[in-house]
């Protein structure tokens, strides 16, 4: 599958030269791993039981290869978060760690939030410009900097186009699939509460 450049790519490229550890969090299937892999020189995939055991046995990360290490699905071994934080405290070089997962700890169960050590970036589903459907005509950063110039533009998108884009979802793996596949994939991640309130009408 062809990689679609993401807005967060620009943030990562700006931040990595100055930051030792960055965590990309967001929903499953949003593209965190694919985005991080483009910047990593080595990878630990903690959804692999064998790799999990290595990570559990090596709190000091002494076996971690040099370069930019991607620790994918880090939440399978929560101690990794604290191990990376300690490495940052000990003077890890910039662009040393990229963590991807579906959560960022908030001092839960003794895990440090990572504040001041691990920079967290939220990754969201594909926006319309990331899908290549539309080209933005107004820049918020330029507006805030006072360099935008005249605010204007036009859009050929109709209400029906927006409805189609919404139902296509912003998940890279399914947004170009058939409507039937998209429905099935979307339903597989929906969890409804038990009881009468979960009935669909």
Protein backbone atom coordinates (compact mmCIF):
# COMPACT_ATOMS: atom_id res chain seq x y z
CA UNK A 1 0.00 0.00 0.00
CA UNK A 2 1.37 3.41 -0.95
CA UNK A 3 2.26 5.64 1.98
CA UNK A 4 0.19 8.82 2.21
CA UNK A 5 2.16 11.74 3.70
CA UNK A 6 0.65 12.91 6.97
CA UNK A 7 0.54 16.28 8.70
CA UNK A 8 2.34 14.69 11.66
CA UNK A 9 5.27 13.91 9.33
CA UNK A 10 6.21 17.59 9.34
CA UNK A 11 5.99 17.74 13.13
CA UNK A 12 8.21 14.68 13.51
CA UNK A 13 10.81 16.03 11.09
CA UNK A 14 10.95 19.31 12.99
CA UNK A 15 11.04 17.77 16.47
CA UNK A 16 13.26 14.68 16.12
CA UNK A 17 16.53 16.63 15.74
CA UNK A 18 15.84 18.23 19.14
CA UNK A 19 13.98 15.57 21.12
CA UNK A 20 15.24 12.23 22.45
CA UNK A 21 11.88 10.42 22.65
CA UNK A 22 8.55 10.92 20.91
CA UNK A 23 5.40 8.88 21.44
CA UNK A 24 2.83 8.67 18.66
CA UNK A 25 -0.54 7.69 20.06
CA UNK A 26 -3.92 7.32 18.44
CA UNK A 27 -6.56 4.79 17.42
CA UNK A 28 -5.54 1.42 16.05
CA UNK A 29 -5.22 1.45 12.27
CA UNK A 30 -4.56 5.19 12.01
CA UNK A 31 -1.05 4.71 10.58
CA UNK A 32 1.23 5.26 13.57
CA UNK A 33 3.59 2.39 12.83
CA UNK A 34 3.96 3.16 9.12
CA UNK A 35 4.74 6.80 9.88
CA UNK A 36 7.28 5.96 12.58
CA UNK A 37 8.97 3.24 10.48
CA UNK A 38 10.00 5.85 7.93
CA UNK A 39 12.27 7.42 10.55
CA UNK A 40 13.47 4.39 12.49
CA UNK A 41 16.72 2.51 11.96
CA UNK A 42 15.64 -0.42 14.16
CA UNK A 43 12.35 -1.75 15.46
CA UNK A 44 11.02 -3.69 18.43
CA UNK A 45 7.48 -4.96 17.85
CA UNK A 46 6.02 -5.70 21.25
CA UNK A 47 2.98 -7.46 19.83
CA UNK A 48 5.50 -10.28 19.21
CA UNK A 49 5.68 -12.46 22.36
CA UNK A 50 9.39 -13.20 21.88
CA UNK A 51 10.24 -9.52 21.56
CA UNK A 52 8.11 -8.74 24.61
CA UNK A 53 10.21 -11.12 26.69
CA UNK A 54 13.39 -9.38 25.56
CA UNK A 55 11.96 -6.01 26.55
CA UNK A 56 10.73 -7.29 29.93
CA UNK A 57 14.15 -8.73 30.75
CA UNK A 58 16.05 -5.59 29.77
CA UNK A 59 14.74 -2.63 31.77
CA UNK A 60 17.94 -0.69 31.09
CA UNK A 61 17.48 -1.22 27.31
CA UNK A 62 21.12 -2.35 27.04
CA UNK A 63 20.26 -4.62 24.11
CA UNK A 64 18.58 -1.82 22.16
CA UNK A 65 20.33 -1.27 18.81
CA UNK A 66 21.88 2.12 18.13
CA UNK A 67 20.16 4.77 16.05
CA UNK A 68 16.48 5.59 16.17
CA UNK A 69 14.64 2.71 17.83
CA UNK A 70 10.93 2.28 17.15
CA UNK A 71 9.18 0.50 20.00
CA UNK A 72 5.87 -0.48 18.47
CA UNK A 73 2.85 -1.32 20.66
CA UNK A 74 4.85 -0.35 23.75
CA UNK A 75 1.76 -0.65 25.96
CA UNK A 76 2.15 -4.45 25.92
CA UNK A 77 5.14 -3.91 28.25
CA UNK A 78 4.33 -0.71 30.20
CA UNK A 79 7.74 -0.72 31.93
CA UNK A 80 9.22 0.30 28.56
CA UNK A 81 7.77 3.79 29.06
CA UNK A 82 9.72 4.26 32.29
CA UNK A 83 12.81 2.65 30.77
CA UNK A 84 12.78 5.17 27.91
CA UNK A 85 12.19 8.02 30.37
CA UNK A 86 15.25 6.97 32.35
CA UNK A 87 17.33 6.80 29.18
CA UNK A 88 16.28 10.36 28.36
CA UNK A 89 17.21 11.46 31.89
CA UNK A 90 20.60 9.81 31.40
CA UNK A 91 21.28 11.88 28.28
CA UNK A 92 19.96 9.84 25.35
CA UNK A 93 20.76 11.57 22.03
CA UNK A 94 18.10 13.26 19.95
CA UNK A 95 15.91 11.02 17.77
CA UNK A 96 16.77 8.01 19.96
CA UNK A 97 13.28 6.57 20.62
CA UNK A 98 9.97 6.50 18.81
CA UNK A 99 7.12 4.82 20.68
CA UNK A 100 3.84 3.90 19.03
CA UNK A 101 0.73 2.68 20.75
CA UNK A 102 -2.88 3.35 21.48
CA UNK A 103 -2.34 5.05 24.83
CA UNK A 104 -0.14 7.45 26.77
CA UNK A 105 0.10 6.84 30.52
CA UNK A 106 -1.18 9.45 32.94
CA UNK A 107 0.51 8.34 36.14
CA UNK A 108 -1.52 5.13 36.16
CA UNK A 109 -0.31 2.17 38.20
CA UNK A 110 2.92 3.94 39.08
CA UNK A 111 3.91 4.70 35.48
CA UNK A 112 5.35 8.17 35.02
CA UNK A 113 3.49 10.41 32.57
CA UNK A 114 6.71 11.12 30.72
CA UNK A 115 6.22 14.87 31.05
CA UNK A 116 9.35 16.73 30.11
CA UNK A 117 11.04 13.61 28.76
CA UNK A 118 8.77 11.91 26.22
CA UNK A 119 6.96 14.22 23.83
CA UNK A 120 3.51 12.91 22.92
CA UNK A 121 1.95 13.53 19.51
CA UNK A 122 -1.62 12.55 18.75
CA UNK A 123 -2.20 10.96 15.35
CA UNK A 124 -5.69 11.21 13.92
CA UNK A 125 -7.39 9.60 10.91
CA UNK A 126 -6.63 10.92 7.45
CA UNK A 127 -7.84 14.47 6.82
CA UNK A 128 -9.15 15.33 3.37
CA UNK A 129 -5.89 16.96 2.31
CA UNK A 130 -3.94 13.89 3.46
CA UNK A 131 -6.13 11.73 1.24
CA UNK A 132 -5.28 13.97 -1.72
CA UNK A 133 -8.91 14.98 -2.16
CA UNK A 134 -8.59 18.70 -1.37
CA UNK A 135 -5.81 21.28 -1.17
CA UNK A 136 -6.02 23.71 1.78
CA UNK A 137 -6.21 27.37 0.80
CA UNK A 138 -5.90 28.92 4.27
CA UNK A 139 -3.08 28.21 6.73
CA UNK A 140 -3.83 28.54 10.44
CA UNK A 141 -0.13 28.96 11.24
CA UNK A 142 0.15 31.78 8.69
CA UNK A 143 -3.00 33.38 10.08
CA UNK A 144 -1.52 33.36 13.58
CA UNK A 145 1.79 34.70 12.26
CA UNK A 146 0.03 37.43 10.27
CA UNK A 147 1.46 36.25 6.94
CA UNK A 148 -1.62 34.62 5.39
CA UNK A 149 -2.59 37.53 3.16
CA UNK A 150 -6.08 37.55 1.71
CA UNK A 151 -8.32 34.82 3.02
CA UNK A 152 -10.26 33.26 0.19
CA UNK A 153 -10.74 30.21 -1.91
CA UNK A 154 -13.34 27.92 -3.35
CA UNK A 155 -14.32 24.33 -2.85
CA UNK A 156 -15.92 21.97 -5.33
CA UNK A 157 -16.87 19.51 -2.59
CA UNK A 158 -20.61 18.97 -2.21
CA UNK A 159 -22.55 17.70 0.79
CA UNK A 160 -22.66 14.29 -0.89
CA UNK A 161 -18.86 14.37 -1.28
CA UNK A 162 -18.42 15.10 2.42
CA UNK A 163 -20.82 12.30 3.32
CA UNK A 164 -18.84 9.87 1.15
CA UNK A 165 -15.54 11.01 2.70
CA UNK A 166 -16.94 10.52 6.20
CA UNK A 167 -18.25 7.03 5.50
CA UNK A 168 -14.96 6.11 3.79
CA UNK A 169 -13.28 6.65 7.18
CA UNK A 170 -9.86 8.13 7.66
CA UNK A 171 -8.07 4.85 8.26
CA UNK A 172 -5.35 4.31 5.63
CA UNK A 173 -5.96 0.58 5.31
CA UNK A 174 -9.64 0.84 4.36
CA UNK A 175 -10.50 4.34 3.12
CA UNK A 176 -10.23 3.31 -0.55
CA UNK A 177 -11.89 -0.09 -0.08
CA UNK A 178 -15.39 -0.91 -1.26
CA UNK A 179 -18.33 0.29 0.84
CA UNK A 180 -19.02 -3.30 1.94
CA UNK A 181 -15.45 -3.79 3.19
CA UNK A 182 -15.46 -0.42 4.96
CA UNK A 183 -18.73 -1.26 6.75
CA UNK A 184 -17.36 -4.59 7.92
CA UNK A 185 -14.08 -3.11 9.09
CA UNK A 186 -15.81 -0.26 10.91
CA UNK A 187 -18.27 -2.56 12.69
CA UNK A 188 -15.43 -4.78 13.89
CA UNK A 189 -14.02 -1.95 16.01
CA UNK A 190 -17.31 -0.64 17.37
CA UNK A 191 -18.14 -1.73 20.92
CA UNK A 192 -21.65 -1.07 22.14
CA UNK A 193 -22.58 -1.23 25.84
CA UNK A 194 -24.78 -4.06 27.03
CA UNK A 195 -28.42 -3.47 27.79
CA UNK A 196 -31.46 -1.94 26.08
CA UNK A 197 -29.61 1.32 25.27
CA UNK A 198 -27.38 -0.51 22.80
CA UNK A 199 -30.26 -1.44 20.51
CA UNK A 200 -29.99 0.08 17.04
CA UNK A 201 -33.18 1.54 15.58
